[in-house]
């Protein structure tokens, strides 16, 4: 019996102490109420009431205030017979806030000026009749992204971090194109000149360097090239663009040669920093001749074999006949496969693509580098 009494006494004491501790703790402050009326809208298809709804939604996302429901606001305005058609200034907003018992009022404007959308947001304290915070941000003229712009402005206003890539795509005139600042892919025009050099290795380099009397070209196995890139963007989602490229080139004019080629490539470009990777077939025309290698490894064209027996009858050529690049031959179609990567640098509206590429081949790999100029029109 005594044990039971002791347990009851201890339990009661713990309950009282817990209650006293809870009562002595400071109460967690609640969110202050904030009201959004109409947001002034000029030059955009979204009217002031709709703009107010967008701001209300974005304010609720940051979860800093107790945002008054628009239907409750409408009820209180009707009840107090208040007109808010042109209520954007501090004095009017303070009067409305006092009438509907709102601690804070949120107002602002979204206006189109030339090629920019200017968003201004203000936070007003009703009790002190003071503007507590003001945030002004300038964005590109992208009307379909108004809600994202408002969300960014509100987050900046209350010290929340914004996605740097999205912020740059909406505010920087010469940022890398992406699905945000270039929603209409047909507007993208990255056609432009290309120039650079290519280096040949292996048998190809030896043939190029050999004398013309042996079927070579008397050329150094590094040649300059120039041409033009036709580029079409056919996908533009997230952080990447999918590209189709056609690049006609002329190589070797610096050494008295004329080697035309055309390359077709598919690629991906990272629109955050301009890195890209592409690959595809390349077609060119080179001179080839039929011939053979003798026992010493010396190359001969087929017409060089004129051996005859004692009766002056032709002796069949015992060597295997092959086709090889030869300056004495005729132009024939040659194919390969290109792997390229690089980065596009930006200077204002000017894009400067810089690329490295490799073409694998049994007769010797080719390596090259190119750069060019293009712009978004």
Protein backbone atom coordinates (compact mmCIF):
# COMPACT_ATOMS: atom_id res chain seq x y z
CA UNK A 1 0.00 0.00 0.00
CA UNK A 2 2.84 2.36 0.89
CA UNK A 3 4.60 1.54 -2.39
CA UNK A 4 1.48 2.41 -4.38
CA UNK A 5 1.09 5.70 -2.51
CA UNK A 6 4.73 6.60 -3.19
CA UNK A 7 4.31 5.88 -6.96
CA UNK A 8 1.20 8.08 -7.12
CA UNK A 9 2.97 10.90 -5.30
CA UNK A 10 6.03 10.75 -7.59
CA UNK A 11 3.81 10.67 -10.70
CA UNK A 12 1.83 13.70 -9.53
CA UNK A 13 5.04 15.59 -8.77
CA UNK A 14 6.46 14.85 -12.23
CA UNK A 15 3.20 15.98 -13.88
CA UNK A 16 3.21 19.27 -11.96
CA UNK A 17 6.89 19.90 -12.79
CA UNK A 18 6.31 19.17 -16.47
CA UNK A 19 3.34 21.55 -16.57
CA UNK A 20 5.34 24.30 -14.86
CA UNK A 21 8.23 23.79 -17.30
CA UNK A 22 5.94 24.01 -20.30
CA UNK A 23 4.27 27.15 -18.93
CA UNK A 24 7.63 28.76 -18.29
CA UNK A 25 8.84 28.16 -21.90
CA UNK A 26 8.26 31.08 -24.28
CA UNK A 27 5.53 30.41 -26.81
CA UNK A 28 6.66 29.94 -30.42
CA UNK A 29 5.72 33.07 -32.28
CA UNK A 30 3.09 32.52 -34.99
CA UNK A 31 3.34 33.72 -38.58
CA UNK A 32 2.11 37.21 -39.21
CA UNK A 33 -0.81 37.63 -41.54
CA UNK A 34 -0.12 39.15 -44.94
CA UNK A 35 -2.57 40.22 -47.61
CA UNK A 36 -2.04 40.51 -51.35
CA UNK A 37 -4.52 42.57 -53.33
CA UNK A 38 -4.08 43.33 -57.01
CA UNK A 39 -0.57 43.66 -58.47
CA UNK A 40 -0.18 46.38 -61.08
CA UNK A 41 0.45 44.91 -64.55
CA UNK A 42 1.47 46.89 -67.62
CA UNK A 43 2.32 45.65 -71.10
CA UNK A 44 1.52 42.01 -70.29
CA UNK A 45 -1.48 39.80 -71.03
CA UNK A 46 -1.91 38.92 -67.34
CA UNK A 47 -4.20 41.45 -65.63
CA UNK A 48 -3.77 42.94 -62.15
CA UNK A 49 -6.09 40.44 -60.40
CA UNK A 50 -4.38 37.42 -62.00
CA UNK A 51 -0.98 38.87 -61.16
CA UNK A 52 -2.12 39.18 -57.55
CA UNK A 53 -3.07 35.49 -57.55
CA UNK A 54 0.39 34.54 -58.88
CA UNK A 55 2.11 36.60 -56.18
CA UNK A 56 -0.11 35.02 -53.52
CA UNK A 57 0.88 31.54 -54.69
CA UNK A 58 4.59 32.35 -54.70
CA UNK A 59 4.34 33.93 -51.22
CA UNK A 60 2.77 30.76 -49.88
CA UNK A 61 5.67 28.75 -51.29
CA UNK A 62 8.29 30.58 -49.19
CA UNK A 63 6.18 29.80 -46.08
CA UNK A 64 7.20 32.95 -44.21
CA UNK A 65 3.77 34.52 -43.59
CA UNK A 66 0.20 33.42 -43.07
CA UNK A 67 -1.12 34.47 -46.48
CA UNK A 68 -4.78 35.41 -46.34
CA UNK A 69 -6.99 33.39 -48.67
CA UNK A 70 -8.24 35.38 -51.63
CA UNK A 71 -11.85 34.41 -50.92
CA UNK A 72 -11.55 35.60 -47.33
CA UNK A 73 -10.03 38.84 -48.58
CA UNK A 74 -12.86 39.27 -51.07
CA UNK A 75 -15.44 38.69 -48.30
CA UNK A 76 -13.82 41.22 -45.96
CA UNK A 77 -13.54 43.80 -48.73
CA UNK A 78 -17.25 43.44 -49.55
CA UNK A 79 -18.14 43.52 -45.88
CA UNK A 80 -16.24 46.77 -45.35
CA UNK A 81 -17.35 48.16 -48.72
CA UNK A 82 -13.76 48.77 -49.84
CA UNK A 83 -12.71 49.39 -53.45
CA UNK A 84 -9.24 48.17 -54.49
CA UNK A 85 -9.22 48.77 -58.25
CA UNK A 86 -6.35 51.29 -57.99
CA UNK A 87 -5.11 50.47 -54.52
CA UNK A 88 -1.36 50.12 -55.03
CA UNK A 89 0.06 52.91 -52.83
CA UNK A 90 1.10 52.71 -49.20
CA UNK A 91 -1.67 54.94 -47.81
CA UNK A 92 -4.47 52.99 -49.47
CA UNK A 93 -2.97 49.65 -48.50
CA UNK A 94 -2.53 50.65 -44.86
CA UNK A 95 -6.19 51.71 -44.70
CA UNK A 96 -7.31 48.41 -46.21
CA UNK A 97 -5.00 46.43 -43.95
CA UNK A 98 -6.37 48.15 -40.86
CA UNK A 99 -9.95 47.51 -41.95
CA UNK A 100 -9.47 43.79 -42.61
CA UNK A 101 -7.10 43.24 -39.63
CA UNK A 102 -4.04 42.25 -41.67
CA UNK A 103 -0.61 42.81 -40.09
CA UNK A 104 1.28 43.09 -43.40
CA UNK A 105 0.34 44.16 -46.90
CA UNK A 106 2.20 43.04 -50.02
CA UNK A 107 2.10 45.06 -53.23
CA UNK A 108 4.09 45.72 -56.36
CA UNK A 109 4.08 45.94 -60.11
CA UNK A 110 5.11 43.89 -63.14
CA UNK A 111 5.81 46.07 -66.18
CA UNK A 112 7.20 45.56 -69.66
CA UNK A 113 9.80 48.16 -70.66
CA UNK A 114 11.27 47.58 -74.13
CA UNK A 115 13.06 44.23 -73.99
CA UNK A 116 12.87 43.93 -70.20
CA UNK A 117 10.27 42.98 -67.62
CA UNK A 118 10.71 44.99 -64.42
CA UNK A 119 9.27 43.50 -61.23
CA UNK A 120 8.94 45.63 -58.10
CA UNK A 121 7.74 44.17 -54.80
CA UNK A 122 7.08 45.98 -51.50
CA UNK A 123 6.27 44.72 -48.01
CA UNK A 124 4.29 47.17 -45.87
CA UNK A 125 3.78 46.99 -42.09
CA UNK A 126 0.24 48.12 -41.32
CA UNK A 127 0.81 49.14 -37.67
CA UNK A 128 3.76 51.43 -38.42
CA UNK A 129 2.60 52.46 -41.91
CA UNK A 130 6.15 51.84 -43.17
CA UNK A 131 7.59 50.02 -46.14
CA UNK A 132 9.71 47.27 -44.57
CA UNK A 133 11.23 45.72 -47.69
CA UNK A 134 11.52 46.60 -51.36
CA UNK A 135 12.87 44.36 -54.12
CA UNK A 136 13.35 45.40 -57.74
CA UNK A 137 14.55 42.95 -60.41
CA UNK A 138 14.98 43.18 -64.17
CA UNK A 139 14.30 40.16 -66.39
CA UNK A 140 14.38 39.35 -70.09
CA UNK A 141 11.21 39.83 -72.12
CA UNK A 142 9.89 36.29 -71.61
CA UNK A 143 6.18 36.71 -70.77
CA UNK A 144 5.60 32.96 -70.40
CA UNK A 145 8.05 32.92 -67.47
CA UNK A 146 6.37 35.66 -65.41
CA UNK A 147 5.46 33.32 -62.55
CA UNK A 148 9.06 32.06 -62.33
CA UNK A 149 10.26 35.69 -62.31
CA UNK A 150 7.88 36.61 -59.49
CA UNK A 151 8.98 33.57 -57.51
CA UNK A 152 12.64 34.53 -57.94
CA UNK A 153 11.94 38.14 -56.86
CA UNK A 154 10.09 37.03 -53.73
CA UNK A 155 12.82 34.54 -52.81
CA UNK A 156 15.48 37.21 -53.24
CA UNK A 157 13.42 39.60 -51.17
CA UNK A 158 13.27 37.26 -48.18
CA UNK A 159 16.79 35.89 -48.41
CA UNK A 160 16.12 32.50 -49.99
CA UNK A 161 18.53 31.03 -52.55
CA UNK A 162 17.56 30.84 -56.21
CA UNK A 163 18.78 28.37 -58.81
CA UNK A 164 21.73 30.11 -60.49
CA UNK A 165 21.12 28.52 -63.89
CA UNK A 166 17.45 29.56 -63.99
CA UNK A 167 18.28 33.03 -62.66
CA UNK A 168 20.93 33.53 -65.36
CA UNK A 169 18.64 32.28 -68.13
CA UNK A 170 15.96 34.80 -67.11
CA UNK A 171 18.18 37.82 -66.45
CA UNK A 172 21.30 37.66 -68.68
CA UNK A 173 20.87 38.78 -72.27
CA UNK A 174 23.77 36.71 -73.57
CA UNK A 175 23.41 33.57 -71.49
CA UNK A 176 23.63 30.12 -73.11
CA UNK A 177 20.37 29.27 -74.86
CA UNK A 178 18.07 26.82 -73.10
CA UNK A 179 14.39 25.86 -72.93
CA UNK A 180 13.68 28.83 -70.63
CA UNK A 181 15.15 31.75 -72.54
CA UNK A 182 14.76 30.14 -75.96
CA UNK A 183 11.38 28.37 -75.85
CA UNK A 184 10.97 28.66 -79.62
CA UNK A 185 13.74 26.45 -80.95
CA UNK A 186 13.39 27.81 -84.49
CA UNK A 187 14.78 31.15 -83.27
CA UNK A 188 18.17 29.58 -82.60
CA UNK A 189 20.66 30.31 -85.39
CA UNK A 190 24.18 29.07 -84.75
CA UNK A 191 25.37 28.75 -88.34
CA UNK A 192 28.85 30.09 -88.81
CA UNK A 193 32.32 29.80 -90.29
CA UNK A 194 34.81 27.17 -89.18
CA UNK A 195 38.59 27.08 -89.55
CA UNK A 196 41.39 25.08 -88.06
CA UNK A 197 43.90 22.34 -88.85
CA UNK A 198 44.16 18.57 -89.01
CA UNK A 199 47.13 16.29 -88.32
CA UNK A 200 47.54 12.92 -90.06
CA UNK A 201 49.37 9.94 -88.57
CA UNK A 202 50.41 6.42 -89.61
CA UNK A 203 50.46 5.33 -93.26
CA UNK A 204 48.44 8.36 -94.33
CA UNK A 205 51.13 10.69 -92.97
CA UNK A 206 53.88 8.69 -94.72
CA UNK A 207 52.07 8.80 -98.06
CA UNK A 208 51.40 12.52 -97.79
CA UNK A 209 55.06 13.18 -96.97
CA UNK A 210 56.43 10.92 -99.72
CA UNK A 211 57.53 12.29 -103.10
CA UNK A 212 55.09 12.42 -105.99
CA UNK A 213 57.30 10.03 -108.00
CA UNK A 214 56.44 7.35 -105.40
CA UNK A 215 52.77 8.25 -105.30
CA UNK A 216 53.07 10.68 -102.42
CA UNK A 217 51.99 14.30 -102.30
CA UNK A 218 55.16 16.11 -101.20
CA UNK A 219 53.07 17.51 -98.33
CA UNK A 220 53.54 17.99 -94.63
CA UNK A 221 51.02 15.84 -92.71
CA UNK A 222 49.43 18.83 -91.00
CA UNK A 223 47.06 20.90 -93.09
CA UNK A 224 44.83 23.89 -92.55
CA UNK A 225 41.14 23.73 -93.36
CA UNK A 226 38.18 26.05 -93.53
CA UNK A 227 34.48 25.73 -94.11
CA UNK A 228 31.05 26.43 -92.67
CA UNK A 229 28.84 24.79 -90.05
CA UNK A 230 25.10 24.49 -90.54
CA UNK A 231 23.52 23.69 -87.20
CA UNK A 232 19.95 22.85 -86.23
CA UNK A 233 18.69 22.47 -82.68
CA UNK A 234 15.91 19.89 -82.59
CA UNK A 235 15.58 19.35 -78.81
CA UNK A 236 15.96 21.89 -76.03
CA UNK A 237 14.99 20.53 -72.63
CA UNK A 238 16.43 20.87 -69.14
CA UNK A 239 20.14 21.63 -69.20
CA UNK A 240 20.86 20.17 -72.64
CA UNK A 241 20.28 20.86 -76.31
CA UNK A 242 20.31 18.16 -78.97
CA UNK A 243 21.92 19.29 -82.22
CA UNK A 244 22.27 18.18 -85.82
CA UNK A 245 25.27 19.62 -87.66
CA UNK A 246 26.41 19.62 -91.28
CA UNK A 247 29.97 20.82 -91.88
CA UNK A 248 31.43 21.12 -95.41
CA UNK A 249 35.21 21.71 -95.34
CA UNK A 250 38.11 22.21 -97.72
CA UNK A 251 41.51 20.96 -96.54
CA UNK A 252 45.06 21.37 -97.86
CA UNK A 253 44.91 24.59 -99.87
CA UNK A 254 47.93 25.82 -97.92
CA UNK A 255 49.98 23.02 -99.56
CA UNK A 256 48.51 23.14 -103.04
CA UNK A 257 45.98 20.39 -102.39
CA UNK A 258 42.21 20.45 -102.67
CA UNK A 259 40.52 17.91 -100.36
CA UNK A 260 36.77 18.53 -100.03
CA UNK A 261 34.78 16.84 -97.27
CA UNK A 262 31.39 16.94 -95.62
CA UNK A 263 30.56 15.78 -92.08
CA UNK A 264 27.19 14.98 -90.51
CA UNK A 265 27.05 14.94 -86.71
CA UNK A 266 24.58 14.58 -83.86
CA UNK A 267 25.54 16.19 -80.57
CA UNK A 268 24.59 17.38 -77.12
CA UNK A 269 25.40 20.81 -75.69
CA UNK A 270 25.26 21.72 -72.00
CA UNK A 271 23.51 25.09 -71.92
CA UNK A 272 24.93 25.94 -68.48
CA UNK A 273 28.54 26.31 -69.62
CA UNK A 274 28.64 25.54 -73.34
CA UNK A 275 30.40 22.15 -73.27
CA UNK A 276 29.38 19.86 -76.11
CA UNK A 277 30.02 16.43 -77.59
CA UNK A 278 29.17 15.25 -81.12
CA UNK A 279 29.85 12.34 -83.44
CA UNK A 280 28.96 11.24 -86.96
CA UNK A 281 30.18 10.16 -90.40
CA UNK A 282 32.51 12.15 -92.61
CA UNK A 283 32.88 11.83 -96.39
CA UNK A 284 35.77 13.12 -98.46
CA UNK A 285 37.41 12.63 -101.85
CA UNK A 286 41.01 11.45 -102.12
CA UNK A 287 43.10 10.17 -105.00
CA UNK A 288 43.56 6.40 -104.99
CA UNK A 289 45.35 4.01 -107.32
CA UNK A 290 45.49 0.24 -107.72
CA UNK A 291 48.90 -1.22 -107.07
CA UNK A 292 51.03 -3.62 -105.09
CA UNK A 293 53.87 -3.85 -102.59
CA UNK A 294 56.93 -5.81 -103.69
CA UNK A 295 59.04 -8.02 -101.44
CA UNK A 296 61.01 -5.02 -100.20
CA UNK A 297 57.80 -3.19 -99.22
CA UNK A 298 58.10 -0.69 -102.07
CA UNK A 299 54.80 0.55 -103.48
CA UNK A 300 54.08 0.32 -107.20
CA UNK A 301 51.03 1.15 -109.25
CA UNK A 302 49.66 -1.77 -111.28
CA UNK A 303 51.04 -0.36 -114.55
CA UNK A 304 54.59 -0.66 -113.21
CA UNK A 305 54.47 -4.47 -113.58
CA UNK A 306 55.77 -5.26 -117.06
CA UNK A 307 57.74 -8.46 -116.50
CA UNK A 308 57.96 -10.90 -119.47
CA UNK A 309 59.37 -14.33 -120.00
CA UNK A 310 62.05 -15.33 -122.55
CA UNK A 311 59.45 -15.35 -125.29
CA UNK A 312 58.34 -11.85 -124.33
CA UNK A 313 55.06 -13.14 -123.00
CA UNK A 314 53.65 -11.20 -120.02
CA UNK A 315 54.26 -12.84 -116.65
CA UNK A 316 51.25 -12.59 -114.27
CA UNK A 317 51.85 -10.29 -111.33
CA UNK A 318 52.36 -12.50 -108.25
CA UNK A 319 51.75 -9.70 -105.78
CA UNK A 320 48.38 -8.92 -104.23
CA UNK A 321 46.67 -5.96 -105.84
CA UNK A 322 45.28 -3.32 -103.46
CA UNK A 323 43.95 0.22 -103.59
CA UNK A 324 45.89 2.92 -101.79
CA UNK A 325 45.98 6.70 -101.62
CA UNK A 326 48.21 7.84 -104.47
CA UNK A 327 48.71 11.21 -106.12
CA UNK A 328 48.78 9.45 -109.53
CA UNK A 329 45.34 7.91 -109.04
CA UNK A 330 41.81 9.17 -109.51
CA UNK A 331 39.53 10.82 -106.96
CA UNK A 332 37.39 8.36 -105.04
CA UNK A 333 34.91 8.55 -102.20
CA UNK A 334 36.37 7.89 -98.76
CA UNK A 335 34.44 7.61 -95.49
CA UNK A 336 35.27 7.85 -91.81
CA UNK A 337 33.72 8.54 -88.42
CA UNK A 338 34.34 11.67 -86.35
CA UNK A 339 34.27 12.09 -82.57
CA UNK A 340 34.40 15.72 -81.44
CA UNK A 341 34.11 17.66 -78.22
CA UNK A 342 34.57 21.29 -77.28
CA UNK A 343 33.09 24.37 -75.74
CA UNK A 344 31.30 27.46 -76.97
CA UNK A 345 32.51 30.71 -75.42
CA UNK A 346 30.34 33.80 -75.40
CA UNK A 347 31.07 37.48 -75.90
CA UNK A 348 27.85 39.47 -76.03
CA UNK A 349 25.79 38.09 -78.91
CA UNK A 350 28.88 36.47 -80.39
CA UNK A 351 29.41 32.73 -79.90
CA UNK A 352 32.94 31.32 -80.31
CA UNK A 353 32.84 27.52 -80.67
CA UNK A 354 36.17 25.75 -80.07
CA UNK A 355 36.43 22.02 -80.79
CA UNK A 356 38.85 19.10 -80.89
CA UNK A 357 38.16 16.01 -82.95
CA UNK A 358 39.58 12.60 -83.86
CA UNK A 359 38.96 10.31 -86.86
CA UNK A 360 40.08 6.70 -86.24
CA UNK A 361 41.36 4.75 -89.24
CA UNK A 362 43.39 1.61 -90.03
CA UNK A 363 45.76 3.66 -92.17
CA UNK A 364 46.33 6.25 -89.43
CA UNK A 365 44.26 8.37 -87.10
CA UNK A 366 43.60 12.01 -87.80
CA UNK A 367 43.43 14.68 -85.09
CA UNK A 368 42.29 18.24 -85.46
CA UNK A 369 41.15 21.46 -83.86
CA UNK A 370 38.79 24.14 -85.09
CA UNK A 371 37.12 27.35 -84.02
CA UNK A 372 34.59 29.69 -85.54
CA UNK A 373 32.12 32.51 -85.08
CA UNK A 374 28.37 32.63 -84.96
CA UNK A 375 25.60 34.55 -83.27
CA UNK A 376 21.98 34.32 -82.21
CA UNK A 377 19.89 36.57 -84.41
